[in-house]
Structures are given as structure tokens and as C-alpha cells.
PDB file of N, CA and C in Angstrom:
ATOM      1  N   UNK A   1      -5.384 -10.787  12.923  1.00  0.00           N
ATOM      2  CA  UNK A   1      -3.953 -10.598  12.955  1.00  0.00           C
ATOM      3  C   UNK A   1      -3.530 -10.197  14.361  1.00  0.00           C
ATOM      4  N   UNK A   2      -2.476 -10.766  14.815  1.00  0.00           N
ATOM      5  CA  UNK A   2      -2.042 -10.433  16.165  1.00  0.00           C
ATOM      6  C   UNK A   2      -1.147  -9.196  16.156  1.00  0.00           C
ATOM      7  N   UNK A   3      -1.354  -8.359  17.144  1.00  0.00           N
ATOM      8  CA  UNK A   3      -0.579  -7.131  17.286  1.00  0.00           C
ATOM      9  C   UNK A   3       0.569  -7.373  18.253  1.00  0.00           C
ATOM     10  N   UNK A   4       1.762  -6.991  17.858  1.00  0.00           N
ATOM     11  CA  UNK A   4       2.912  -7.103  18.748  1.00  0.00           C
ATOM     12  C   UNK A   4       3.240  -5.727  19.297  1.00  0.00           C
ATOM     13  N   UNK A   5       3.771  -5.725  20.487  1.00  0.00           N
ATOM     14  CA  UNK A   5       4.231  -4.471  21.068  1.00  0.00           C
ATOM     15  C   UNK A   5       5.424  -3.978  20.253  1.00  0.00           C
ATOM     16  N   UNK A   6       5.461  -2.699  19.911  1.00  0.00           N
ATOM     17  CA  UNK A   6       6.611  -2.201  19.152  1.00  0.00           C
ATOM     18  C   UNK A   6       7.883  -2.313  19.987  1.00  0.00           C
ATOM     19  N   UNK A   7       8.929  -2.819  19.339  1.00  0.00           N
ATOM     20  CA  UNK A   7      10.194  -2.944  20.044  1.00  0.00           C
ATOM     21  C   UNK A   7      10.890  -1.594  20.057  1.00  0.00           C
ATOM     22  N   UNK A   8      11.655  -1.390  21.111  1.00  0.00           N
ATOM     23  CA  UNK A   8      12.376  -0.134  21.240  1.00  0.00           C
ATOM     24  C   UNK A   8      13.518  -0.118  20.226  1.00  0.00           C
ATOM     25  N   UNK A   9      13.672   0.986  19.531  1.00  0.00           N
ATOM     26  CA  UNK A   9      14.748   1.114  18.560  1.00  0.00           C
ATOM     27  C   UNK A   9      16.070   1.339  19.277  1.00  0.00           C
ATOM     28  N   UNK A  10      17.101   0.697  18.758  1.00  0.00           N
ATOM     29  CA  UNK A  10      18.426   0.853  19.349  1.00  0.00           C
ATOM     30  C   UNK A  10      19.152   2.002  18.667  1.00  0.00           C
ATOM     31  N   UNK A  11      19.847   2.784  19.445  1.00  0.00           N
ATOM     32  CA  UNK A  11      20.639   3.865  18.863  1.00  0.00           C
ATOM     33  C   UNK A  11      22.026   3.327  18.495  1.00  0.00           C
ATOM     34  N   UNK A  12      22.832   4.157  17.899  1.00  0.00           N
ATOM     35  CA  UNK A  12      24.158   3.760  17.428  1.00  0.00           C
ATOM     36  C   UNK A  12      25.019   3.194  18.556  1.00  0.00           C
ATOM     37  N   UNK A  13      25.008   3.835  19.700  1.00  0.00           N
ATOM     38  CA  UNK A  13      25.841   3.384  20.821  1.00  0.00           C
ATOM     39  C   UNK A  13      25.404   2.005  21.314  1.00  0.00           C
ATOM     40  N   UNK A  14      24.104   1.797  21.382  1.00  0.00           N
ATOM     41  CA  UNK A  14      23.602   0.490  21.817  1.00  0.00           C
ATOM     42  C   UNK A  14      24.016  -0.605  20.840  1.00  0.00           C
ATOM     43  N   UNK A  15      23.963  -0.292  19.553  1.00  0.00           N
ATOM     44  CA  UNK A  15      24.378  -1.271  18.546  1.00  0.00           C
ATOM     45  C   UNK A  15      25.872  -1.564  18.626  1.00  0.00           C
ATOM     46  N   UNK A  16      26.672  -0.552  18.922  1.00  0.00           N
ATOM     47  CA  UNK A  16      28.123  -0.756  19.044  1.00  0.00           C
ATOM     48  C   UNK A  16      28.455  -1.678  20.211  1.00  0.00           C
ATOM     49  N   UNK A  17      27.597  -1.704  21.227  1.00  0.00           N
ATOM     50  CA  UNK A  17      27.846  -2.533  22.404  1.00  0.00           C
ATOM     51  C   UNK A  17      27.446  -3.992  22.201  1.00  0.00           C
ATOM     52  N   UNK A  18      26.761  -4.305  21.112  1.00  0.00           N
ATOM     53  CA  UNK A  18      26.357  -5.685  20.854  1.00  0.00           C
ATOM     54  C   UNK A  18      27.537  -6.493  20.318  1.00  0.00           C
ATOM     55  N   UNK A  19      27.508  -7.786  20.576  1.00  0.00           N
ATOM     56  CA  UNK A  19      28.559  -8.666  20.050  1.00  0.00           C
ATOM     57  C   UNK A  19      28.296  -8.909  18.568  1.00  0.00           C
ATOM     58  N   UNK A  20      29.319  -9.334  17.829  1.00  0.00           N
ATOM     59  CA  UNK A  20      29.102  -9.646  16.407  1.00  0.00           C
ATOM     60  C   UNK A  20      28.005 -10.705  16.208  1.00  0.00           C
ATOM     61  N   UNK A  21      27.963 -11.687  17.084  1.00  0.00           N
ATOM     62  CA  UNK A  21      26.935 -12.732  16.975  1.00  0.00           C
ATOM     63  C   UNK A  21      25.533 -12.141  17.166  1.00  0.00           C
ATOM     64  N   UNK A  22      25.378 -11.216  18.103  1.00  0.00           N
ATOM     65  CA  UNK A  22      24.077 -10.572  18.322  1.00  0.00           C
ATOM     66  C   UNK A  22      23.675  -9.746  17.104  1.00  0.00           C
ATOM     67  N   UNK A  23      24.648  -9.075  16.499  1.00  0.00           N
ATOM     68  CA  UNK A  23      24.357  -8.283  15.302  1.00  0.00           C
ATOM     69  C   UNK A  23      23.935  -9.177  14.138  1.00  0.00           C
ATOM     70  N   UNK A  24      24.621 -10.317  13.977  1.00  0.00           N
ATOM     71  CA  UNK A  24      24.270 -11.247  12.906  1.00  0.00           C
ATOM     72  C   UNK A  24      22.845 -11.758  13.110  1.00  0.00           C
ATOM     73  N   UNK A  25      22.500 -12.122  14.330  1.00  0.00           N
ATOM     74  CA  UNK A  25      21.147 -12.600  14.627  1.00  0.00           C
ATOM     75  C   UNK A  25      20.108 -11.523  14.321  1.00  0.00           C
ATOM     76  N   UNK A  26      20.425 -10.293  14.657  1.00  0.00           N
ATOM     77  CA  UNK A  26      19.499  -9.190  14.407  1.00  0.00           C
ATOM     78  C   UNK A  26      19.292  -8.996  12.903  1.00  0.00           C
ATOM     79  N   UNK A  27      20.371  -9.054  12.141  1.00  0.00           N
ATOM     80  CA  UNK A  27      20.273  -8.883  10.691  1.00  0.00           C
ATOM     81  C   UNK A  27      19.450 -10.017  10.079  1.00  0.00           C
ATOM     82  N   UNK A  28      19.665 -11.243  10.525  1.00  0.00           N
ATOM     83  CA  UNK A  28      18.904 -12.377  10.001  1.00  0.00           C
ATOM     84  C   UNK A  28      17.411 -12.229  10.296  1.00  0.00           C
ATOM     85  N   UNK A  29      17.072 -11.792  11.491  1.00  0.00           N
ATOM     86  CA  UNK A  29      15.665 -11.577  11.850  1.00  0.00           C
ATOM     87  C   UNK A  29      15.052 -10.475  10.987  1.00  0.00           C
ATOM     88  N   UNK A  30      15.821  -9.411  10.765  1.00  0.00           N
ATOM     89  CA  UNK A  30      15.317  -8.305   9.947  1.00  0.00           C
ATOM     90  C   UNK A  30      15.108  -8.739   8.498  1.00  0.00           C
ATOM     91  N   UNK A  31      16.009  -9.584   7.976  1.00  0.00           N
ATOM     92  CA  UNK A  31      15.843 -10.083   6.611  1.00  0.00           C
ATOM     93  C   UNK A  31      14.553 -10.887   6.481  1.00  0.00           C
ATOM     94  N   UNK A  32      14.299 -11.762   7.444  1.00  0.00           N
ATOM     95  CA  UNK A  32      13.065 -12.552   7.414  1.00  0.00           C
ATOM     96  C   UNK A  32      11.840 -11.645   7.464  1.00  0.00           C
ATOM     97  N   UNK A  33      11.914 -10.624   8.295  1.00  0.00           N
ATOM     98  CA  UNK A  33      10.797  -9.691   8.432  1.00  0.00           C
ATOM     99  C   UNK A  33      10.541  -8.945   7.124  1.00  0.00           C
ATOM    100  N   UNK A  34      11.602  -8.505   6.467  1.00  0.00           N
ATOM    101  CA  UNK A  34      11.458  -7.772   5.204  1.00  0.00           C
ATOM    102  C   UNK A  34      10.825  -8.667   4.142  1.00  0.00           C
ATOM    103  N   UNK A  35      11.269  -9.911   4.053  1.00  0.00           N
ATOM    104  CA  UNK A  35      10.707 -10.839   3.072  1.00  0.00           C
ATOM    105  C   UNK A  35       9.229 -11.088   3.360  1.00  0.00           C
ATOM    106  N   UNK A  36       8.901 -11.315   4.618  1.00  0.00           N
ATOM    107  CA  UNK A  36       7.513 -11.576   5.002  1.00  0.00           C
ATOM    108  C   UNK A  36       6.618 -10.377   4.688  1.00  0.00           C
ATOM    109  N   UNK A  37       7.100  -9.179   4.976  1.00  0.00           N
ATOM    110  CA  UNK A  37       6.308  -7.980   4.691  1.00  0.00           C
ATOM    111  C   UNK A  37       6.144  -7.780   3.186  1.00  0.00           C
ATOM    112  N   UNK A  38       7.185  -8.089   2.415  1.00  0.00           N
ATOM    113  CA  UNK A  38       7.082  -7.992   0.959  1.00  0.00           C
ATOM    114  C   UNK A  38       6.021  -8.935   0.417  1.00  0.00           C
ATOM    115  N   UNK A  39       5.984 -10.163   0.946  1.00  0.00           N
ATOM    116  CA  UNK A  39       4.967 -11.126   0.524  1.00  0.00           C
ATOM    117  C   UNK A  39       3.570 -10.637   0.887  1.00  0.00           C
ATOM    118  N   UNK A  40       3.437 -10.066   2.069  1.00  0.00           N
ATOM    119  CA  UNK A  40       2.141  -9.542   2.500  1.00  0.00           C
ATOM    120  C   UNK A  40       1.693  -8.403   1.593  1.00  0.00           C
ATOM    121  N   UNK A  41       2.609  -7.528   1.239  1.00  0.00           N
ATOM    122  CA  UNK A  41       2.280  -6.401   0.357  1.00  0.00           C
ATOM    123  C   UNK A  41       1.807  -6.912  -0.997  1.00  0.00           C
ATOM    124  N   UNK A  42       2.516  -7.885  -1.574  1.00  0.00           N
ATOM    125  CA  UNK A  42       2.124  -8.425  -2.875  1.00  0.00           C
ATOM    126  C   UNK A  42       0.750  -9.088  -2.801  1.00  0.00           C
ATOM    127  N   UNK A  43       0.484  -9.794  -1.714  1.00  0.00           N
ATOM    128  CA  UNK A  43      -0.813 -10.440  -1.531  1.00  0.00           C
ATOM    129  C   UNK A  43      -1.924  -9.391  -1.464  1.00  0.00           C
ATOM    130  N   UNK A  44      -1.685  -8.314  -0.723  1.00  0.00           N
ATOM    131  CA  UNK A  44      -2.688  -7.254  -0.600  1.00  0.00           C
ATOM    132  C   UNK A  44      -2.895  -6.529  -1.925  1.00  0.00           C
ATOM    133  N   UNK A  45      -1.818  -6.321  -2.686  1.00  0.00           N
ATOM    134  CA  UNK A  45      -1.958  -5.696  -4.006  1.00  0.00           C
ATOM    135  C   UNK A  45      -2.831  -6.559  -4.909  1.00  0.00           C
ATOM    136  N   UNK A  46      -2.656  -7.870  -4.815  1.00  0.00           N
ATOM    137  CA  UNK A  46      -3.474  -8.783  -5.603  1.00  0.00           C
ATOM    138  C   UNK A  46      -4.942  -8.674  -5.252  1.00  0.00           C
ATOM    139  N   UNK A  47      -5.245  -8.493  -3.979  1.00  0.00           N
ATOM    140  CA  UNK A  47      -6.640  -8.329  -3.555  1.00  0.00           C
ATOM    141  C   UNK A  47      -7.224  -7.028  -4.088  1.00  0.00           C
ATOM    142  N   UNK A  48      -6.429  -5.981  -4.156  1.00  0.00           N
ATOM    143  CA  UNK A  48      -6.930  -4.697  -4.649  1.00  0.00           C
ATOM    144  C   UNK A  48      -7.309  -4.778  -6.122  1.00  0.00           C
ATOM    145  N   UNK A  49      -6.587  -5.592  -6.878  1.00  0.00           N
ATOM    146  CA  UNK A  49      -6.825  -5.675  -8.313  1.00  0.00           C
ATOM    147  C   UNK A  49      -8.036  -6.526  -8.678  1.00  0.00           C
ATOM    148  N   UNK A  50      -8.578  -7.247  -7.714  1.00  0.00           N
ATOM    149  CA  UNK A  50      -9.701  -8.128  -8.013  1.00  0.00           C
ATOM    150  C   UNK A  50     -11.018  -7.457  -7.652  1.00  0.00           C
ATOM    151  N   UNK A  51     -11.938  -7.463  -8.610  1.00  0.00           N
ATOM    152  CA  UNK A  51     -13.293  -7.012  -8.357  1.00  0.00           C
ATOM    153  C   UNK A  51     -14.224  -7.844  -9.234  1.00  0.00           C
ATOM    154  N   UNK A  52     -15.470  -7.492  -9.277  1.00  0.00           N
ATOM    155  CA  UNK A  52     -16.429  -8.304 -10.017  1.00  0.00           C
ATOM    156  C   UNK A  52     -16.160  -8.300 -11.522  1.00  0.00           C
ATOM    157  N   UNK A  53     -15.454  -7.305 -12.019  1.00  0.00           N
ATOM    158  CA  UNK A  53     -15.162  -7.231 -13.451  1.00  0.00           C
ATOM    159  C   UNK A  53     -13.952  -8.078 -13.834  1.00  0.00           C
ATOM    160  N   UNK A  54     -13.030  -8.292 -12.900  1.00  0.00           N
ATOM    161  CA  UNK A  54     -11.790  -8.989 -13.226  1.00  0.00           C
ATOM    162  C   UNK A  54     -11.683 -10.371 -12.591  1.00  0.00           C
ATOM    163  N   UNK A  55     -12.751 -10.835 -11.954  1.00  0.00           N
ATOM    164  CA  UNK A  55     -12.728 -12.164 -11.346  1.00  0.00           C
ATOM    165  C   UNK A  55     -14.152 -12.698 -11.283  1.00  0.00           C
ATOM    166  N   UNK A  56     -14.308 -13.843 -10.673  1.00  0.00           N
ATOM    167  CA  UNK A  56     -15.644 -14.434 -10.570  1.00  0.00           C
ATOM    168  C   UNK A  56     -16.376 -13.974  -9.312  1.00  0.00           C
ATOM    169  N   UNK A  57     -15.870 -12.926  -8.670  1.00  0.00           N
ATOM    170  CA  UNK A  57     -16.494 -12.421  -7.447  1.00  0.00           C
ATOM    171  C   UNK A  57     -17.786 -11.673  -7.787  1.00  0.00           C
ATOM    172  N   UNK A  58     -18.806 -11.765  -6.932  1.00  0.00           N
ATOM    173  CA  UNK A  58     -20.042 -11.021  -7.178  1.00  0.00           C
ATOM    174  C   UNK A  58     -19.847  -9.522  -6.926  1.00  0.00           C
ATOM    175  N   UNK A  59     -20.657  -8.676  -7.573  1.00  0.00           N
ATOM    176  CA  UNK A  59     -20.520  -7.223  -7.395  1.00  0.00           C
ATOM    177  C   UNK A  59     -20.659  -6.760  -5.953  1.00  0.00           C
ATOM    178  N   UNK A  60     -21.375  -7.516  -5.144  1.00  0.00           N
ATOM    179  CA  UNK A  60     -21.563  -7.088  -3.753  1.00  0.00           C
ATOM    180  C   UNK A  60     -20.264  -7.107  -2.956  1.00  0.00           C
ATOM    181  N   UNK A  61     -19.231  -7.779  -3.482  1.00  0.00           N
ATOM    182  CA  UNK A  61     -17.958  -7.829  -2.762  1.00  0.00           C
ATOM    183  C   UNK A  61     -17.004  -6.727  -3.198  1.00  0.00           C
ATOM    184  N   UNK A  62     -17.404  -5.941  -4.193  1.00  0.00           N
ATOM    185  CA  UNK A  62     -16.537  -4.843  -4.650  1.00  0.00           C
ATOM    186  C   UNK A  62     -16.413  -3.783  -3.572  1.00  0.00           C
ATOM    187  N   UNK A  63     -15.243  -3.250  -3.441  1.00  0.00           N
ATOM    188  CA  UNK A  63     -15.007  -2.153  -2.504  1.00  0.00           C
ATOM    189  C   UNK A  63     -15.411  -0.868  -3.186  1.00  0.00           C
ATOM    190  N   UNK A  64     -15.872   0.072  -2.402  1.00  0.00           N
ATOM    191  CA  UNK A  64     -16.185   1.376  -2.970  1.00  0.00           C
ATOM    192  C   UNK A  64     -14.877   2.087  -3.259  1.00  0.00           C
ATOM    193  N   UNK A  65     -14.723   2.513  -4.484  1.00  0.00           N
ATOM    194  CA  UNK A  65     -13.499   3.220  -4.868  1.00  0.00           C
ATOM    195  C   UNK A  65     -13.853   4.635  -5.273  1.00  0.00           C
ATOM    196  N   UNK A  66     -12.961   5.547  -4.954  1.00  0.00           N
ATOM    197  CA  UNK A  66     -13.159   6.925  -5.366  1.00  0.00           C
ATOM    198  C   UNK A  66     -12.873   7.012  -6.862  1.00  0.00           C
ATOM    199  N   UNK A  67     -13.626   7.839  -7.583  1.00  0.00           N
ATOM    200  CA  UNK A  67     -13.345   7.985  -9.008  1.00  0.00           C
ATOM    201  C   UNK A  67     -11.972   8.613  -9.218  1.00  0.00           C
ATOM    202  N   UNK A  68     -11.334   8.213 -10.314  1.00  0.00           N
ATOM    203  CA  UNK A  68     -10.006   8.753 -10.593  1.00  0.00           C
ATOM    204  C   UNK A  68     -10.107  10.239 -10.912  1.00  0.00           C
ATOM    205  N   UNK A  69      -9.151  10.998 -10.416  1.00  0.00           N
ATOM    206  CA  UNK A  69      -9.134  12.432 -10.669  1.00  0.00           C
ATOM    207  C   UNK A  69      -8.604  12.682 -12.078  1.00  0.00           C
ATOM    208  N   UNK A  70      -9.153  13.707 -12.716  1.00  0.00           N
ATOM    209  CA  UNK A  70      -8.682  14.087 -14.036  1.00  0.00           C
ATOM    210  C   UNK A  70      -7.425  14.920 -13.861  1.00  0.00           C
ATOM    211  N   UNK A  71      -6.384  14.556 -14.601  1.00  0.00           N
ATOM    212  CA  UNK A  71      -5.130  15.289 -14.495  1.00  0.00           C
ATOM    213  C   UNK A  71      -5.290  16.670 -15.116  1.00  0.00           C
ATOM    214  N   UNK A  72      -4.529  17.605 -14.602  1.00  0.00           N
ATOM    215  CA  UNK A  72      -4.599  18.967 -15.111  1.00  0.00           C
ATOM    216  C   UNK A  72      -4.178  18.971 -16.575  1.00  0.00           C
ATOM    217  N   UNK A  73      -4.921  19.658 -17.404  1.00  0.00           N
ATOM    218  CA  UNK A  73      -4.610  19.740 -18.820  1.00  0.00           C
ATOM    219  C   UNK A  73      -5.399  18.726 -19.644  1.00  0.00           C
ATOM    220  N   UNK A  74      -6.005  17.739 -18.998  1.00  0.00           N
ATOM    221  CA  UNK A  74      -6.811  16.763 -19.720  1.00  0.00           C
ATOM    222  C   UNK A  74      -8.268  17.195 -19.672  1.00  0.00           C
ATOM    223  N   UNK A  75      -8.973  16.943 -20.756  1.00  0.00           N
ATOM    224  CA  UNK A  75     -10.380  17.319 -20.813  1.00  0.00           C
ATOM    225  C   UNK A  75     -11.240  16.222 -20.222  1.00  0.00           C
ATOM    226  N   UNK A  76     -12.319  16.633 -19.576  1.00  0.00           N
ATOM    227  CA  UNK A  76     -13.318  15.671 -19.130  1.00  0.00           C
ATOM    228  C   UNK A  76     -14.212  15.366 -20.324  1.00  0.00           C
ATOM    229  N   UNK A  77     -14.672  14.143 -20.414  1.00  0.00           N
ATOM    230  CA  UNK A  77     -15.596  13.793 -21.481  1.00  0.00           C
ATOM    231  C   UNK A  77     -16.998  14.225 -21.081  1.00  0.00           C
ATOM    232  N   UNK A  78     -17.829  14.482 -22.079  1.00  0.00           N
ATOM    233  CA  UNK A  78     -19.206  14.848 -21.775  1.00  0.00           C
ATOM    234  C   UNK A  78     -19.577  16.165 -22.417  1.00  0.00           C
ATOM    235  N   UNK A  79     -20.683  16.715 -21.963  1.00  0.00           N
ATOM    236  CA  UNK A  79     -21.196  17.945 -22.545  1.00  0.00           C
ATOM    237  C   UNK A  79     -20.310  19.123 -22.219  1.00  0.00           C
ATOM    238  N   UNK A  80     -20.313  20.075 -23.136  1.00  0.00           N
ATOM    239  CA  UNK A  80     -19.585  21.324 -22.909  1.00  0.00           C
ATOM    240  C   UNK A  80     -20.398  22.208 -21.981  1.00  0.00           C
ATOM    241  N   UNK A  81     -19.744  23.095 -21.247  1.00  0.00           N
ATOM    242  CA  UNK A  81     -20.504  24.016 -20.395  1.00  0.00           C
ATOM    243  C   UNK A  81     -21.382  24.934 -21.246  1.00  0.00           C
ATOM    244  N   UNK A  82     -22.501  25.341 -20.687  1.00  0.00           N
ATOM    245  CA  UNK A  82     -23.435  26.206 -21.402  1.00  0.00           C
ATOM    246  C   UNK A  82     -22.783  27.569 -21.601  1.00  0.00           C
ATOM    247  N   UNK A  83     -22.840  28.052 -22.841  1.00  0.00           N
ATOM    248  CA  UNK A  83     -22.231  29.353 -23.128  1.00  0.00           C
ATOM    249  C   UNK A  83     -23.234  30.464 -22.832  1.00  0.00           C
ATOM    250  N   UNK A  84     -22.711  31.626 -22.515  1.00  0.00           N
ATOM    251  CA  UNK A  84     -23.576  32.778 -22.217  1.00  0.00           C
ATOM    252  C   UNK A  84     -24.346  33.178 -23.474  1.00  0.00           C
ATOM    253  N   UNK A  85     -25.614  33.546 -23.290  1.00  0.00           N
ATOM    254  CA  UNK A  85     -26.440  33.953 -24.429  1.00  0.00           C
ATOM    255  C   UNK A  85     -26.017  35.331 -24.901  1.00  0.00           C
ATOM    256  N   UNK A  86     -26.056  35.519 -26.219  1.00  0.00           N
ATOM    257  CA  UNK A  86     -25.713  36.832 -26.772  1.00  0.00           C
ATOM    258  C   UNK A  86     -26.913  37.763 -26.637  1.00  0.00           C
ATOM    259  N   UNK A  87     -26.636  39.024 -26.319  1.00  0.00           N
ATOM    260  CA  UNK A  87     -27.722  39.992 -26.141  1.00  0.00           C
ATOM    261  C   UNK A  87     -28.058  40.721 -27.393  1.00  0.00           C
TER     262      UNK A  87
END
């Protein structure tokens, strides 16, 4: 992927000095950018959902994922903690 130099952000005064045609062009460019980024996000989300269990990909292509955290108030499954012995 090619990296572009970040463009300098325009402040309110700079925007007020632009012609209506320049503002329209800027809005059109921004709309295209938003659509393109939305498509990229959806494509990346699709890649995250695919692993060896949900597609024909081999297990070696699975990404290492952290185990899901148990929410507070929910019990973990498995053995109970060892209780103290009575004396």
C-alpha cells in the first residue's frame, strides 16, 4: 500500500477564503474518500471473520487471537476452586 503525505488541515478562515467551486471540489473528493475507506473497512472485517473453521483455509493461516474475556458476573466453566479443609 502506498503511503501519502498527510495533507495540512485547513482552519475555518482558510475555508472561508476558498471559492464555492473549490469547496464543491473538496467535498466531492472527501465523499469519494469516505466511500473508499468504508469499502476497505468492510473488506478487512470480512478477512477477520474467516479462519480455518469458517472457510476452506488451512489452520496454519489462522491468526493468533486472544481468548475472549469473561464478563463480570458470568461464571467460568470448569472445576470449582478447592475449598479449605475443615479442621
